[in-house]
Amino acid sequence: MTREIIEMARDSGMELYGLGKDRARFVHHLEAFAKLIAEKALAERAMSEVQRLGQEIEATDRTWVGLTEQEHTDIAVECGCMSADWVFYGAAVERKLKERNT
């Protein structure tokens, strides 16, 4: 980490010697250095949040569980539409939902 900070200091334009002679130049380079440190911290927080969200998504991933034939029939009976066409229609809707959600 120390080497990385020294590299960022060099990247910002800071020099290790003679900064005290030109106050405006020192302040300019110090501000550039602070900006690099802040950007790195922000990037690390963003990456941490991305990883957390990825883990959360993985945890909520579920396997599709379709209705049984009996459940299709029971729903058709409950809805008062017991013809075979309605049972086939229900199965077709379920297949389409599965296609979209898996």
Protein backbone atom coordinates (compact mmCIF):
# COMPACT_ATOMS: atom_id res chain seq x y z
CA MET A 1 0.00 0.00 0.00
CA THR A 2 2.85 2.43 0.82
CA ARG A 3 4.41 1.88 -2.62
CA GLU A 4 1.05 2.48 -4.25
CA ILE A 5 0.67 5.80 -2.39
CA ILE A 6 4.18 6.85 -3.43
CA GLU A 7 3.32 5.97 -7.04
CA MET A 8 0.15 8.06 -6.81
CA ALA A 9 2.17 10.94 -5.39
CA ARG A 10 4.54 10.71 -8.37
CA ASP A 11 1.60 10.40 -10.79
CA SER A 12 0.08 13.57 -9.32
CA GLY A 13 3.27 15.47 -10.13
CA MET A 14 4.56 15.79 -6.58
CA GLU A 15 8.30 15.66 -6.27
CA LEU A 16 9.94 14.27 -3.19
CA TYR A 17 12.39 17.20 -2.84
CA GLY A 18 12.06 20.96 -3.02
CA LEU A 19 8.29 21.30 -2.64
CA GLY A 20 8.62 23.88 0.12
CA LYS A 21 10.21 26.46 -2.20
CA ASP A 22 7.08 27.08 -4.35
CA ARG A 23 3.95 27.03 -2.18
CA ALA A 24 1.47 27.35 -5.07
CA ARG A 25 3.10 24.46 -6.94
CA PHE A 26 3.12 22.34 -3.77
CA VAL A 27 -0.60 23.02 -3.13
CA HIS A 28 -1.44 22.22 -6.76
CA HIS A 29 0.35 18.85 -6.59
CA LEU A 30 -1.02 18.09 -3.13
CA GLU A 31 -4.58 18.66 -4.41
CA ALA A 32 -3.88 16.40 -7.41
CA PHE A 33 -2.55 13.75 -5.03
CA ALA A 34 -5.62 14.03 -2.79
CA LYS A 35 -7.85 13.64 -5.84
CA LEU A 36 -6.07 10.41 -6.85
CA ILE A 37 -6.46 9.03 -3.31
CA ALA A 38 -10.17 9.95 -3.26
CA GLU A 39 -10.77 8.35 -6.68
CA LYS A 40 -9.08 5.16 -5.53
CA ALA A 41 -11.18 5.03 -2.36
CA LEU A 42 -14.36 5.64 -4.37
CA ALA A 43 -13.43 2.90 -6.85
CA GLU A 44 -12.76 0.47 -4.00
CA ARG A 45 -16.15 1.25 -2.40
CA ALA A 46 -17.90 0.85 -5.75
CA MET A 47 -16.21 -2.51 -6.37
CA SER A 48 -17.15 -3.66 -2.89
CA GLU A 49 -20.79 -2.72 -3.54
CA VAL A 50 -20.78 -4.52 -6.91
CA GLN A 51 -19.44 -7.66 -5.24
CA ARG A 52 -22.07 -7.42 -2.48
CA LEU A 53 -24.88 -7.03 -5.01
CA GLY A 54 -23.53 -9.97 -7.02
CA GLN A 55 -23.60 -12.15 -3.93
CA GLU A 56 -27.12 -10.97 -3.13
CA ILE A 57 -28.31 -11.83 -6.64
CA GLU A 58 -26.71 -15.27 -6.47
CA ALA A 59 -28.40 -15.89 -3.13
CA THR A 60 -31.82 -15.09 -4.58
CA ASP A 61 -31.38 -17.17 -7.74
CA ARG A 62 -34.06 -19.84 -7.78
CA THR A 63 -34.74 -22.85 -9.91
CA TRP A 64 -38.02 -22.78 -11.82
CA VAL A 65 -40.62 -25.06 -10.30
CA GLY A 66 -43.59 -25.62 -12.58
CA LEU A 67 -47.12 -26.69 -11.75
CA THR A 68 -48.00 -30.35 -11.72
CA GLU A 69 -50.72 -31.68 -13.98
CA GLN A 70 -52.94 -32.00 -10.91
CA GLU A 71 -52.35 -28.36 -9.99
CA HIS A 72 -53.29 -27.30 -13.53
CA THR A 73 -56.50 -29.31 -13.26
CA ASP A 74 -57.30 -27.95 -9.78
CA ILE A 75 -56.89 -24.37 -10.99
CA ALA A 76 -59.13 -25.06 -13.99
CA VAL A 77 -61.80 -26.52 -11.69
CA GLU A 78 -61.53 -23.54 -9.28
CA CYS A 79 -61.97 -21.13 -12.19
CA GLY A 80 -64.91 -23.06 -13.63
CA CYS A 81 -63.17 -23.72 -16.92
CA MET A 82 -62.64 -27.45 -16.93
CA SER A 83 -62.41 -28.01 -20.68
CA ALA A 84 -59.16 -29.44 -22.01
CA ASP A 85 -58.54 -26.24 -23.96
CA TRP A 86 -58.20 -24.23 -20.76
CA VAL A 87 -55.85 -26.78 -19.22
CA PHE A 88 -53.66 -26.67 -22.37
CA TYR A 89 -53.84 -22.87 -22.33
CA GLY A 90 -52.65 -22.79 -18.71
CA ALA A 91 -49.74 -25.10 -19.54
CA ALA A 92 -48.77 -22.88 -22.51
CA VAL A 93 -48.79 -19.79 -20.30
CA GLU A 94 -46.60 -21.56 -17.75
CA ARG A 95 -44.09 -22.59 -20.46
CA LYS A 96 -43.88 -19.00 -21.69
CA LEU A 97 -43.30 -17.70 -18.15
CA LYS A 98 -40.58 -20.27 -17.61
CA GLU A 99 -38.93 -19.26 -20.89
CA ARG A 100 -38.86 -15.61 -19.84
CA ASN A 101 -37.73 -16.19 -16.28
CA THR A 102 -34.97 -18.77 -16.62
